[in-house]
Amino acid sequence: MKQLRLGFTLVEMMIVVVIIGILTLIAMPSYSSFIARTRRTDAKAMLQQVTMWMERNQAATYTYATDINGVTVDNAKLALLGFNVSPAIGTTMYTISFVSGPTASTYVLVATPTASQFKADSACPTLGIDNTGQRGFISGTAVVASAASDQCWQ
């Protein structure tokens, strides 16, 4: 009478471990890239929210520099409104700020990635938007559009 064996051999288990390892090596870069793009999308959405607030404020006060109560609009005001980080809840991946304080007629906003986000998404170092709606990278105190920045904003 032949004895029936149940279970797996060590060789079979090692083959399964190797296959799982190979699949992980293939999937992780794609997943990491997806997460970085998702975080960038959150930052773009936050920049758009700040832009909408700035335009509503300008429509009410005829200036970007102060709010309806006469308070100066600056990075502290963004923090007070909850517009200074992205995502608003959870681990900060981008900080949102003015490149320089807004004037009565202009402003330039920038989303700067944290160290971990910059490492994961180095192709898009900063995202900027100004009062005219120009989107791109920040160069000095201006927003400069390019093919690379267009890719980041898509």
C-alpha atoms as a PDB file:
ATOM      1  CA  MET A   1       0.000   0.000   0.000  1.00  0.00           C
ATOM      2  CA  LYS A   2       1.381   3.387  -1.068  1.00  0.00           C
ATOM      3  CA  GLN A   3       1.546   6.110   1.559  1.00  0.00           C
ATOM      4  CA  LEU A   4      -0.256   9.371   0.578  1.00  0.00           C
ATOM      5  CA  ARG A   5       1.758  12.536   1.272  1.00  0.00           C
ATOM      6  CA  LEU A   6       0.050  15.843   1.916  1.00  0.00           C
ATOM      7  CA  GLY A   7       1.713  19.264   1.907  1.00  0.00           C
ATOM      8  CA  PHE A   8       4.409  21.058  -0.046  1.00  0.00           C
ATOM      9  CA  THR A   9       8.080  20.411  -0.443  1.00  0.00           C
ATOM     10  CA  LEU A  10      10.650  23.054   0.378  1.00  0.00           C
ATOM     11  CA  VAL A  11      11.498  23.427  -3.314  1.00  0.00           C
ATOM     12  CA  GLU A  12       7.863  24.131  -4.197  1.00  0.00           C
ATOM     13  CA  MET A  13       7.643  26.764  -1.442  1.00  0.00           C
ATOM     14  CA  MET A  14      10.855  28.428  -2.642  1.00  0.00           C
ATOM     15  CA  ILE A  15       9.504  28.598  -6.212  1.00  0.00           C
ATOM     16  CA  VAL A  16       6.397  30.372  -4.920  1.00  0.00           C
ATOM     17  CA  VAL A  17       8.533  32.818  -2.912  1.00  0.00           C
ATOM     18  CA  VAL A  18      10.665  33.609  -5.984  1.00  0.00           C
ATOM     19  CA  ILE A  19       7.554  34.198  -8.137  1.00  0.00           C
ATOM     20  CA  ILE A  20       6.081  36.541  -5.517  1.00  0.00           C
ATOM     21  CA  GLY A  21       9.398  38.406  -5.352  1.00  0.00           C
ATOM     22  CA  ILE A  22       9.516  38.867  -9.121  1.00  0.00           C
ATOM     23  CA  LEU A  23       5.919  40.128  -9.225  1.00  0.00           C
ATOM     24  CA  THR A  24       6.693  42.580  -6.410  1.00  0.00           C
ATOM     25  CA  LEU A  25       9.744  43.917  -8.246  1.00  0.00           C
ATOM     26  CA  ILE A  26       7.607  44.535 -11.314  1.00  0.00           C
ATOM     27  CA  ALA A  27       4.624  46.067  -9.504  1.00  0.00           C
ATOM     28  CA  MET A  28       6.296  48.365  -6.942  1.00  0.00           C
ATOM     29  CA  PRO A  29       7.747  51.005  -9.318  1.00  0.00           C
ATOM     30  CA  SER A  30       4.421  51.323 -11.093  1.00  0.00           C
ATOM     31  CA  TYR A  31       2.567  51.628  -7.796  1.00  0.00           C
ATOM     32  CA  SER A  32       5.043  54.209  -6.450  1.00  0.00           C
ATOM     33  CA  SER A  33       4.663  56.274  -9.621  1.00  0.00           C
ATOM     34  CA  PHE A  34       0.872  56.138  -9.312  1.00  0.00           C
ATOM     35  CA  ILE A  35       1.015  57.311  -5.687  1.00  0.00           C
ATOM     36  CA  ALA A  36       3.347  60.217  -6.586  1.00  0.00           C
ATOM     37  CA  ARG A  37       1.011  61.345  -9.399  1.00  0.00           C
ATOM     38  CA  THR A  38      -1.976  61.132  -7.051  1.00  0.00           C
ATOM     39  CA  ARG A  39      -0.227  63.313  -4.487  1.00  0.00           C
ATOM     40  CA  ARG A  40       0.646  65.811  -7.235  1.00  0.00           C
ATOM     41  CA  THR A  41      -3.009  65.894  -8.246  1.00  0.00           C
ATOM     42  CA  ASP A  42      -3.953  66.726  -4.652  1.00  0.00           C
ATOM     43  CA  ALA A  43      -1.471  69.622  -4.699  1.00  0.00           C
ATOM     44  CA  LYS A  44      -2.871  70.921  -7.998  1.00  0.00           C
ATOM     45  CA  ALA A  45      -6.375  70.793  -6.542  1.00  0.00           C
ATOM     46  CA  MET A  46      -5.241  72.746  -3.488  1.00  0.00           C
ATOM     47  CA  LEU A  47      -3.595  75.376  -5.720  1.00  0.00           C
ATOM     48  CA  GLN A  48      -6.867  75.691  -7.630  1.00  0.00           C
ATOM     49  CA  GLN A  49      -8.792  76.104  -4.336  1.00  0.00           C
ATOM     50  CA  VAL A  50      -6.442  78.884  -3.232  1.00  0.00           C
ATOM     51  CA  THR A  51      -6.752  80.510  -6.652  1.00  0.00           C
ATOM     52  CA  MET A  52     -10.541  80.455  -6.421  1.00  0.00           C
ATOM     53  CA  TRP A  53     -10.400  81.975  -2.930  1.00  0.00           C
ATOM     54  CA  MET A  54      -8.023  84.680  -4.163  1.00  0.00           C
ATOM     55  CA  GLU A  55     -10.323  85.543  -7.066  1.00  0.00           C
ATOM     56  CA  ARG A  56     -13.417  85.687  -4.829  1.00  0.00           C
ATOM     57  CA  ASN A  57     -11.491  87.891  -2.404  1.00  0.00           C
ATOM     58  CA  GLN A  58     -10.338  90.175  -5.230  1.00  0.00           C
ATOM     59  CA  ALA A  59     -13.900  90.466  -6.516  1.00  0.00           C
ATOM     60  CA  ALA A  60     -15.051  91.573  -3.057  1.00  0.00           C
ATOM     61  CA  THR A  61     -12.151  93.891  -2.174  1.00  0.00           C
ATOM     62  CA  TYR A  62     -10.658  94.866  -5.562  1.00  0.00           C
ATOM     63  CA  THR A  63      -7.238  93.768  -4.302  1.00  0.00           C
ATOM     64  CA  TYR A  64      -5.328  90.531  -3.744  1.00  0.00           C
ATOM     65  CA  ALA A  65      -3.274  92.023  -0.905  1.00  0.00           C
ATOM     66  CA  THR A  66      -5.961  92.201   1.801  1.00  0.00           C
ATOM     67  CA  ASP A  67      -9.119  90.323   2.653  1.00  0.00           C
ATOM     68  CA  ILE A  68     -12.582  91.774   3.295  1.00  0.00           C
ATOM     69  CA  ASN A  69     -11.639  92.530   6.919  1.00  0.00           C
ATOM     70  CA  GLY A  70      -8.505  94.437   5.896  1.00  0.00           C
ATOM     71  CA  VAL A  71      -6.195  91.601   7.004  1.00  0.00           C
ATOM     72  CA  THR A  72      -3.078  91.117   4.892  1.00  0.00           C
ATOM     73  CA  VAL A  73      -3.235  88.074   2.645  1.00  0.00           C
ATOM     74  CA  ASP A  74       0.016  86.161   3.107  1.00  0.00           C
ATOM     75  CA  ASN A  75       1.298  82.686   3.951  1.00  0.00           C
ATOM     76  CA  ALA A  76      -0.058  83.026   7.495  1.00  0.00           C
ATOM     77  CA  LYS A  77      -3.510  83.745   6.054  1.00  0.00           C
ATOM     78  CA  LEU A  78      -3.217  80.621   3.864  1.00  0.00           C
ATOM     79  CA  ALA A  79      -2.409  78.584   6.984  1.00  0.00           C
ATOM     80  CA  LEU A  80      -5.368  80.115   8.816  1.00  0.00           C
ATOM     81  CA  LEU A  81      -7.653  79.136   5.920  1.00  0.00           C
ATOM     82  CA  GLY A  82      -6.167  75.616   5.789  1.00  0.00           C
ATOM     83  CA  PHE A  83      -4.669  76.128   2.338  1.00  0.00           C
ATOM     84  CA  ASN A  84      -0.997  75.829   3.293  1.00  0.00           C
ATOM     85  CA  VAL A  85      -0.451  72.070   2.917  1.00  0.00           C
ATOM     86  CA  SER A  86      -1.547  69.257   0.667  1.00  0.00           C
ATOM     87  CA  PRO A  87      -3.255  67.029   1.504  1.00  0.00           C
ATOM     88  CA  ALA A  88      -5.177  69.040   4.093  1.00  0.00           C
ATOM     89  CA  ILE A  89      -5.456  65.955   6.328  1.00  0.00           C
ATOM     90  CA  GLY A  90      -2.701  63.407   6.783  1.00  0.00           C
ATOM     91  CA  THR A  91       1.001  63.442   5.988  1.00  0.00           C
ATOM     92  CA  THR A  92       2.056  66.653   4.256  1.00  0.00           C
ATOM     93  CA  MET A  93       3.406  66.008   0.766  1.00  0.00           C
ATOM     94  CA  TYR A  94       3.366  69.609  -0.533  1.00  0.00           C
ATOM     95  CA  THR A  95       3.519  73.006   1.106  1.00  0.00           C
ATOM     96  CA  ILE A  96       1.486  75.752  -0.541  1.00  0.00           C
ATOM     97  CA  SER A  97       2.740  79.329  -0.308  1.00  0.00           C
ATOM     98  CA  PHE A  98       3.097  82.624  -2.098  1.00  0.00           C
ATOM     99  CA  VAL A  99       6.366  83.071  -3.975  1.00  0.00           C
ATOM    100  CA  SER A 100       6.297  86.610  -2.633  1.00  0.00           C
ATOM    101  CA  GLY A 101       3.439  88.351  -0.902  1.00  0.00           C
ATOM    102  CA  PRO A 102       0.562  89.175  -3.227  1.00  0.00           C
ATOM    103  CA  THR A 103       0.317  92.741  -4.458  1.00  0.00           C
ATOM    104  CA  ALA A 104      -2.900  94.600  -5.133  1.00  0.00           C
ATOM    105  CA  SER A 105      -2.992  93.238  -8.685  1.00  0.00           C
ATOM    106  CA  THR A 106      -0.858  90.072  -8.802  1.00  0.00           C
ATOM    107  CA  TYR A 107       0.066  86.909  -6.943  1.00  0.00           C
ATOM    108  CA  VAL A 108       2.102  83.782  -7.612  1.00  0.00           C
ATOM    109  CA  LEU A 109       1.424  80.561  -5.709  1.00  0.00           C
ATOM    110  CA  VAL A 110       3.761  77.582  -5.479  1.00  0.00           C
ATOM    111  CA  ALA A 111       3.346  73.996  -4.341  1.00  0.00           C
ATOM    112  CA  THR A 112       6.691  72.708  -3.091  1.00  0.00           C
ATOM    113  CA  PRO A 113       7.051  68.954  -2.538  1.00  0.00           C
ATOM    114  CA  THR A 114       8.397  67.563   0.712  1.00  0.00           C
ATOM    115  CA  ALA A 115      11.600  65.525   0.587  1.00  0.00           C
ATOM    116  CA  SER A 116       9.851  62.169   0.161  1.00  0.00           C
ATOM    117  CA  GLN A 117       7.497  63.462  -2.542  1.00  0.00           C
ATOM    118  CA  PHE A 118      10.343  65.195  -4.376  1.00  0.00           C
ATOM    119  CA  LYS A 119      12.303  61.943  -4.410  1.00  0.00           C
ATOM    120  CA  ALA A 120       9.281  60.038  -5.750  1.00  0.00           C
ATOM    121  CA  ASP A 121       8.310  62.715  -8.308  1.00  0.00           C
ATOM    122  CA  SER A 122      11.521  64.566  -9.197  1.00  0.00           C
ATOM    123  CA  ALA A 123      10.290  65.317 -12.736  1.00  0.00           C
ATOM    124  CA  CYS A 124       7.886  67.882 -11.259  1.00  0.00           C
ATOM    125  CA  PRO A 125       9.944  69.903  -8.759  1.00  0.00           C
ATOM    126  CA  THR A 126       7.454  72.699  -8.066  1.00  0.00           C
ATOM    127  CA  LEU A 127       4.029  73.596  -9.352  1.00  0.00           C
ATOM    128  CA  GLY A 128       3.141  77.242  -9.770  1.00  0.00           C
ATOM    129  CA  ILE A 129       0.102  79.266 -10.746  1.00  0.00           C
ATOM    130  CA  ASP A 130      -0.421  83.011 -10.950  1.00  0.00           C
ATOM    131  CA  ASN A 131      -3.330  85.441 -11.045  1.00  0.00           C
ATOM    132  CA  THR A 132      -3.626  85.144 -14.849  1.00  0.00           C
ATOM    133  CA  GLY A 133      -4.063  81.378 -14.629  1.00  0.00           C
ATOM    134  CA  GLN A 134      -0.586  80.666 -16.015  1.00  0.00           C
ATOM    135  CA  ARG A 135       0.476  77.226 -14.807  1.00  0.00           C
ATOM    136  CA  GLY A 136       3.991  75.866 -14.838  1.00  0.00           C
ATOM    137  CA  PHE A 137       7.211  75.703 -12.841  1.00  0.00           C
ATOM    138  CA  ILE A 138       8.545  78.527 -10.704  1.00  0.00           C
ATOM    139  CA  SER A 139      11.567  80.420 -12.011  1.00  0.00           C
ATOM    140  CA  GLY A 140      12.546  83.174  -9.603  1.00  0.00           C
ATOM    141  CA  THR A 141       9.239  84.838  -8.817  1.00  0.00           C
ATOM    142  CA  ALA A 142       7.444  83.981 -12.060  1.00  0.00           C
ATOM    143  CA  VAL A 143       5.543  81.018 -13.425  1.00  0.00           C
ATOM    144  CA  VAL A 144       7.167  79.607 -16.547  1.00  0.00           C
ATOM    145  CA  ALA A 145       5.270  77.198 -18.769  1.00  0.00           C
ATOM    146  CA  SER A 146       7.107  74.511 -20.700  1.00  0.00           C
ATOM    147  CA  ALA A 147       6.458  71.107 -22.206  1.00  0.00           C
ATOM    148  CA  ALA A 148       7.711  69.479 -18.989  1.00  0.00           C
ATOM    149  CA  SER A 149       5.466  71.617 -16.789  1.00  0.00           C
ATOM    150  CA  ASP A 150       2.507  70.921 -19.057  1.00  0.00           C
ATOM    151  CA  GLN A 151       3.083  67.196 -18.442  1.00  0.00           C
ATOM    152  CA  CYS A 152       3.055  67.831 -14.689  1.00  0.00           C
ATOM    153  CA  TRP A 153      -0.153  69.842 -14.878  1.00  0.00           C
ATOM    154  CA  GLN A 154      -2.038  67.284 -16.992  1.00  0.00           C
END
